[in-house]
Protein backbone atom coordinates (compact mmCIF):
# COMPACT_ATOMS: atom_id res chain seq x y z
CA MET A 1 -10.78 -5.97 -20.04
CA SER A 2 -13.68 -5.10 -22.37
CA ASP A 3 -13.99 -1.69 -24.02
CA GLU A 4 -17.20 -1.04 -22.07
CA ARG A 5 -15.55 -1.94 -18.75
CA SER A 6 -12.56 0.29 -19.59
CA ARG A 7 -14.94 3.14 -20.43
CA ARG A 8 -16.76 2.79 -17.07
CA LEU A 9 -13.48 2.89 -15.18
CA ALA A 10 -12.19 5.85 -17.17
CA VAL A 11 -15.20 8.04 -16.40
CA SER A 12 -15.43 7.04 -12.73
CA SER A 13 -13.72 9.19 -10.13
CA PRO A 14 -12.96 8.60 -6.47
CA PRO A 15 -15.23 10.23 -3.87
CA THR A 16 -13.94 13.62 -2.76
CA PRO A 17 -11.24 12.87 -0.19
CA VAL A 18 -10.30 14.87 2.90
CA ASP A 19 -6.65 15.21 3.93
CA GLY A 20 -5.70 14.88 7.58
CA PHE A 21 -2.67 14.59 9.83
CA ILE A 22 -1.90 12.84 13.09
CA ASP A 23 1.20 12.74 15.26
CA ALA A 24 2.55 9.24 15.78
CA ASN A 25 5.79 8.19 17.45
CA GLY A 26 7.53 11.50 16.76
CA VAL A 27 6.45 11.82 13.10
CA ARG A 28 3.54 13.71 11.54
CA LEU A 29 1.60 11.27 9.39
CA HIS A 30 -0.64 12.26 6.50
CA TYR A 31 -3.76 10.35 5.52
CA VAL A 32 -6.54 10.62 2.94
CA ASP A 33 -10.06 9.94 4.23
CA TRP A 34 -13.04 9.13 2.02
CA GLY A 35 -15.11 8.96 5.20
CA HIS A 36 -18.75 7.99 5.46
CA ALA A 37 -20.15 7.96 8.98
CA GLY A 38 -21.34 4.59 10.17
CA GLN A 39 -19.55 2.51 7.54
CA PRO A 40 -16.93 -0.08 8.54
CA PRO A 41 -13.41 1.37 8.25
CA LEU A 42 -10.88 0.14 5.71
CA LEU A 43 -7.25 1.27 6.12
CA LEU A 44 -5.04 1.09 3.03
CA LEU A 45 -1.22 0.92 3.17
CA HIS A 46 0.91 1.57 0.09
CA GLY A 47 4.22 -0.03 -0.86
CA GLY A 48 7.79 1.21 -0.58
CA SER A 49 8.55 4.58 -2.27
CA ALA A 50 4.83 4.95 -3.09
CA HIS A 51 2.08 7.03 -1.43
CA ALA A 52 -1.55 7.02 -0.33
CA HIS A 53 -2.94 8.08 -3.72
CA TRP A 54 -1.92 4.78 -5.29
CA TRP A 55 -5.31 3.58 -3.98
CA ASP A 56 -7.38 6.31 -5.66
CA PHE A 57 -8.67 4.04 -8.43
CA VAL A 58 -9.53 1.17 -6.06
CA VAL A 59 -11.51 3.32 -3.62
CA PRO A 60 -14.54 4.05 -5.88
CA ALA A 61 -15.55 0.40 -5.85
CA LEU A 62 -14.99 -0.01 -2.12
CA GLY A 63 -16.21 3.35 -0.83
CA ALA A 64 -19.90 2.56 -1.16
CA ARG A 65 -19.65 0.04 1.68
CA HIS A 66 -16.59 1.21 3.61
CA ARG A 67 -14.97 4.29 5.06
CA CYS A 68 -11.72 4.14 3.11
CA ILE A 69 -8.62 5.73 4.65
CA ALA A 70 -5.21 5.64 2.94
CA LEU A 71 -2.16 6.36 5.08
CA ASP A 72 1.17 7.78 3.93
CA LEU A 73 3.79 5.74 5.77
CA ARG A 74 6.52 7.74 7.51
CA GLY A 75 9.06 9.01 5.00
CA HIS A 76 6.55 8.72 2.15
CA GLY A 77 4.07 10.99 0.42
CA ASP A 78 3.10 13.95 2.57
CA SER A 79 4.04 12.32 5.87
CA GLY A 80 7.06 13.53 7.80
CA TRP A 81 10.51 11.98 7.64
CA SER A 82 12.09 10.33 10.65
CA THR A 83 14.86 12.53 12.07
CA MET A 84 16.25 9.39 13.71
CA LEU A 85 16.10 7.46 10.41
CA ASP A 86 13.83 4.97 12.14
CA TYR A 87 12.14 3.06 9.33
CA ARG A 88 12.04 -0.34 10.96
CA LEU A 89 9.09 -2.57 10.19
CA GLU A 90 7.97 -2.58 13.81
CA THR A 91 8.00 1.24 13.86
CA HIS A 92 5.78 1.42 10.80
CA ALA A 93 3.43 -1.06 12.49
CA ALA A 94 3.39 1.11 15.61
CA ASP A 95 2.49 4.09 13.41
CA VAL A 96 -0.46 2.15 12.02
CA ALA A 97 -1.60 1.31 15.53
CA ALA A 98 -1.34 5.00 16.46
CA ALA A 99 -3.40 5.98 13.41
CA VAL A 100 -6.07 3.39 14.22
CA ASP A 101 -6.30 4.74 17.77
CA ALA A 102 -6.21 8.42 16.78
CA LEU A 103 -8.95 7.98 14.18
CA ASP A 104 -10.96 5.66 16.46
CA LEU A 105 -11.14 2.95 13.79
CA ARG A 106 -13.00 0.16 15.51
CA HIS A 107 -13.12 -3.29 13.93
CA VAL A 108 -10.99 -2.05 11.05
CA ALA A 109 -9.91 -4.04 7.98
CA VAL A 110 -6.36 -3.36 6.77
CA ILE A 111 -5.00 -3.75 3.24
CA GLY A 112 -1.27 -3.58 2.53
CA HIS A 113 0.51 -3.72 -0.84
CA SER A 114 4.10 -4.95 -1.17
CA PHE A 115 6.09 -3.34 1.68
CA GLY A 116 2.76 -2.16 3.09
CA GLY A 117 1.83 -5.83 3.28
CA PHE A 118 4.78 -6.46 5.61
CA VAL A 119 3.65 -3.56 7.76
CA ALA A 120 0.07 -4.83 7.78
CA ILE A 121 1.19 -8.29 8.89
CA ARG A 122 3.23 -6.90 11.78
CA PHE A 123 0.32 -4.70 12.88
CA ALA A 124 -2.23 -7.50 12.49
CA ALA A 125 -0.28 -9.87 14.73
CA LEU A 126 -0.76 -7.48 17.67
CA ALA A 127 -4.10 -5.90 16.77
CA GLY A 128 -6.35 -8.55 18.28
CA ALA A 129 -10.06 -7.67 18.26
CA ARG A 130 -9.37 -4.24 16.74
CA LEU A 131 -8.86 -5.90 13.35
CA SER A 132 -11.74 -7.39 11.34
CA ALA A 133 -9.74 -8.60 8.31
CA LEU A 134 -6.26 -8.52 6.78
CA VAL A 135 -5.61 -8.27 3.04
CA VAL A 136 -2.07 -8.55 1.69
CA VAL A 137 -1.53 -7.61 -1.96
CA ASP A 138 1.48 -8.97 -3.87
CA SER A 139 3.59 -9.28 -0.75
CA ARG A 140 5.27 -12.25 0.89
CA ALA A 141 5.44 -14.06 4.21
CA ARG A 142 9.18 -13.51 4.44
CA ILE A 143 11.73 -10.84 3.54
CA SER A 144 14.74 -12.52 1.97
CA LEU A 145 18.34 -11.46 2.47
CA ARG A 146 18.47 -10.70 -1.24
CA SER A 147 15.48 -8.34 -0.94
CA ALA A 148 16.98 -6.58 2.08
CA ARG A 149 20.28 -6.07 0.25
CA TYR A 150 18.43 -4.78 -2.82
CA LEU A 151 16.62 -2.18 -0.71
CA GLU A 152 19.92 -1.11 0.84
CA ALA A 153 21.38 -0.64 -2.63
CA LEU A 154 18.40 1.51 -3.62
CA ARG A 155 18.95 3.68 -0.56
CA LYS A 156 22.43 4.58 -1.80
CA LEU A 157 21.24 5.86 -5.16
CA PRO A 158 21.10 9.65 -5.55
CA HIS A 159 17.68 11.22 -5.39
CA PRO A 160 16.73 12.35 -8.91
CA ARG A 161 16.29 15.99 -9.89
CA TYR A 162 14.23 17.09 -12.86
CA ALA A 163 14.27 20.51 -14.50
CA THR A 164 10.52 20.52 -15.15
CA LEU A 165 7.44 18.64 -14.06
CA GLU A 166 7.01 17.39 -17.61
CA GLU A 167 10.53 15.91 -17.60
CA ALA A 168 9.87 14.24 -14.25
CA GLN A 169 6.68 12.62 -15.51
CA GLN A 170 8.33 11.43 -18.71
CA ARG A 171 11.36 9.90 -16.99
CA PHE A 172 9.56 8.32 -14.02
CA ARG A 173 9.67 4.52 -13.90
CA LEU A 174 7.88 2.14 -11.59
CA LEU A 175 9.95 -0.31 -9.56
CA PRO A 176 9.71 -3.06 -10.68
CA ALA A 177 9.07 -1.59 -14.11
CA ALA A 178 6.61 -4.13 -15.54
CA HIS A 179 3.03 -2.86 -15.54
CA GLN A 180 -0.18 -2.65 -17.54
CA ALA A 181 -1.50 0.56 -15.98
CA ARG A 182 -3.41 2.97 -18.18
CA ALA A 183 -1.60 6.21 -18.97
CA ASP A 184 -4.03 8.34 -16.94
CA ILE A 185 -3.61 6.16 -13.84
CA LEU A 186 0.18 6.25 -14.10
CA SER A 187 0.19 10.03 -14.63
CA HIS A 188 -2.05 10.46 -11.58
CA VAL A 189 0.23 8.59 -9.18
CA VAL A 190 3.43 10.05 -10.66
CA ARG A 191 2.23 13.64 -10.19
CA ARG A 192 1.45 13.00 -6.55
CA ALA A 193 4.85 11.40 -6.01
CA LEU A 194 6.67 14.63 -6.92
CA LYS A 195 7.43 17.90 -5.15
CA GLN A 196 9.02 21.12 -6.31
CA THR A 197 12.19 22.25 -4.55
CA PRO A 198 13.08 25.86 -3.65
CA ASP A 199 15.30 26.16 -6.74
CA GLY A 200 12.38 25.26 -9.02
CA THR A 201 13.46 21.72 -9.88
CA TRP A 202 11.36 18.65 -9.14
CA THR A 203 12.15 15.53 -7.13
CA LEU A 204 10.44 12.58 -5.47
CA LYS A 205 8.74 13.10 -2.11
CA PHE A 206 9.85 9.96 -0.33
CA ASP A 207 12.91 9.68 1.92
CA ARG A 208 15.39 7.36 0.24
CA SER A 209 16.62 6.29 3.69
CA ALA A 210 13.25 4.63 4.19
CA MET A 211 14.25 2.00 1.63
CA ALA A 212 16.77 0.40 3.97
CA GLY A 213 14.92 0.15 7.26
CA THR A 214 13.89 -3.47 6.86
CA GLN A 215 16.07 -6.45 7.68
CA ALA A 216 15.69 -9.95 6.27
CA GLN A 217 13.13 -11.78 8.38
CA ASP A 218 10.49 -14.48 8.39
CA LEU A 219 7.00 -13.13 9.09
CA SER A 220 5.33 -16.54 9.29
CA HIS A 221 5.09 -16.48 13.07
CA HIS A 222 3.46 -13.05 12.91
CA LEU A 223 0.96 -14.39 10.38
CA ALA A 224 0.25 -17.34 12.64
CA ALA A 225 -0.72 -14.92 15.43
CA VAL A 226 -3.34 -13.09 13.33
CA GLN A 227 -6.82 -13.77 14.72
CA CYS A 228 -8.97 -12.50 11.84
CA PRO A 229 -9.66 -13.73 8.28
CA ILE A 230 -6.74 -13.20 5.89
CA LEU A 231 -6.68 -12.75 2.11
CA ALA A 232 -3.39 -12.94 0.20
CA VAL A 233 -3.61 -11.68 -3.39
CA ARG A 234 -1.03 -11.67 -6.17
CA GLY A 235 -0.99 -10.26 -9.64
CA ALA A 236 -1.09 -13.24 -11.99
CA LEU A 237 1.80 -11.71 -13.99
CA SER A 238 3.87 -10.73 -10.92
CA ASP A 239 7.59 -11.49 -10.92
CA VAL A 240 7.76 -10.50 -7.25
CA VAL A 241 5.31 -12.95 -5.68
CA SER A 242 5.04 -16.45 -7.11
CA ALA A 243 2.14 -18.84 -6.66
CA ASP A 244 4.34 -20.85 -4.26
CA ALA A 245 5.09 -17.73 -2.21
CA LEU A 246 1.38 -16.97 -2.02
CA ALA A 247 0.69 -20.48 -0.74
CA GLU A 248 2.92 -19.78 2.27
CA PHE A 249 0.15 -17.59 3.72
CA ALA A 250 -2.28 -20.49 3.88
CA ALA A 251 0.46 -22.68 5.34
CA ALA A 252 1.17 -20.12 8.07
CA ASN A 253 -2.44 -19.52 9.11
CA PRO A 254 -5.55 -21.65 8.47
CA ARG A 255 -7.65 -18.46 8.32
CA ALA A 256 -5.86 -17.42 5.13
CA THR A 257 -7.26 -17.74 1.62
CA ILE A 258 -5.45 -16.84 -1.60
CA ALA A 259 -6.45 -15.26 -4.91
CA GLU A 260 -4.95 -13.97 -8.14
CA VAL A 261 -5.86 -10.93 -10.25
CA ALA A 262 -5.55 -11.63 -13.96
CA GLY A 263 -3.68 -9.16 -16.13
CA ALA A 264 -1.76 -7.61 -13.24
CA HIS A 265 1.94 -7.40 -12.50
CA HIS A 266 3.26 -6.42 -9.05
CA HIS A 267 1.46 -3.05 -9.01
CA VAL A 268 -1.96 -4.68 -8.90
CA MET A 269 -3.95 -1.58 -7.90
CA LEU A 270 -2.55 0.33 -10.89
CA ASP A 271 -2.83 -2.47 -13.44
CA GLN A 272 -6.30 -3.76 -12.52
CA PRO A 273 -7.89 -1.51 -9.86
CA GLU A 274 -11.47 -2.55 -10.55
CA ALA A 275 -10.66 -6.28 -10.51
CA LEU A 276 -8.65 -5.94 -7.29
CA ALA A 277 -11.48 -4.05 -5.64
CA ALA A 278 -13.92 -6.80 -6.63
CA VAL A 279 -11.71 -9.51 -5.10
CA VAL A 280 -11.31 -7.51 -1.90
CA GLN A 281 -15.00 -6.65 -1.64
CA ASN A 282 -16.06 -10.26 -2.14
CA PHE A 283 -13.68 -11.35 0.62
CA LEU A 284 -14.84 -8.65 3.03
CA THR A 285 -18.51 -9.39 2.31
CA ARG A 286 -18.01 -13.06 3.14
CA ASN A 287 -15.81 -12.58 6.18
CA THR A 288 -16.73 -9.35 8.02
């Protein structure tokens, strides 16, 4: 990225967002709405253990043409936790459907990153005419047994506690760790991932039980049922989604196209937010 392009991104800031809540399937869900009346809606879904504000640096480039809404999945961010420990993929998809209905998002485009991509695929398969486009960012058409076991292992880890906010920010690591995000972007998402406990220490907001709600499964038949244009994007440096894995989207559905974002690992919206937004906007302009 050129120095001039980096400077433009550094001084830009997302439109002023409005926080909102809806009740869906027994859980109170939080969302961030950069709403503009009359613009086509764009619903953004984060990955596992992340939160809605991971999209804050992508929204400025998309908000001029779309009403951008980022949802905190159940058990993540400022959304409620499931008292029944129900973090199944189909339940997340049902939450998305409830949010679309509650917010009256007609002809909505949905973008999902990583685990949010799995959720978006499950929702898209049943959305029909409600959905104008599906974008899946560094996610796959199948959840392997190895991935499911890895998530179960993460669930069993103790939730970290930090004495101070500064310690929490210094010790925080992305998962997977590889990234090229600028320090200010990383600091922004880390701060919003943390909450202070009654004893004054700091910990992560998300429910660790949410890491183990997904079983190994093939989502190809769900992709095949999607009736709208599909874009599958990977970070060109991603160790999570290979070029071959990306090609499975086009094999599953003839409406699917694929793209790569140069200079990005798995966390594409943190590594190259402006470039990701450009890829998404070009796709939406051509297809919606």
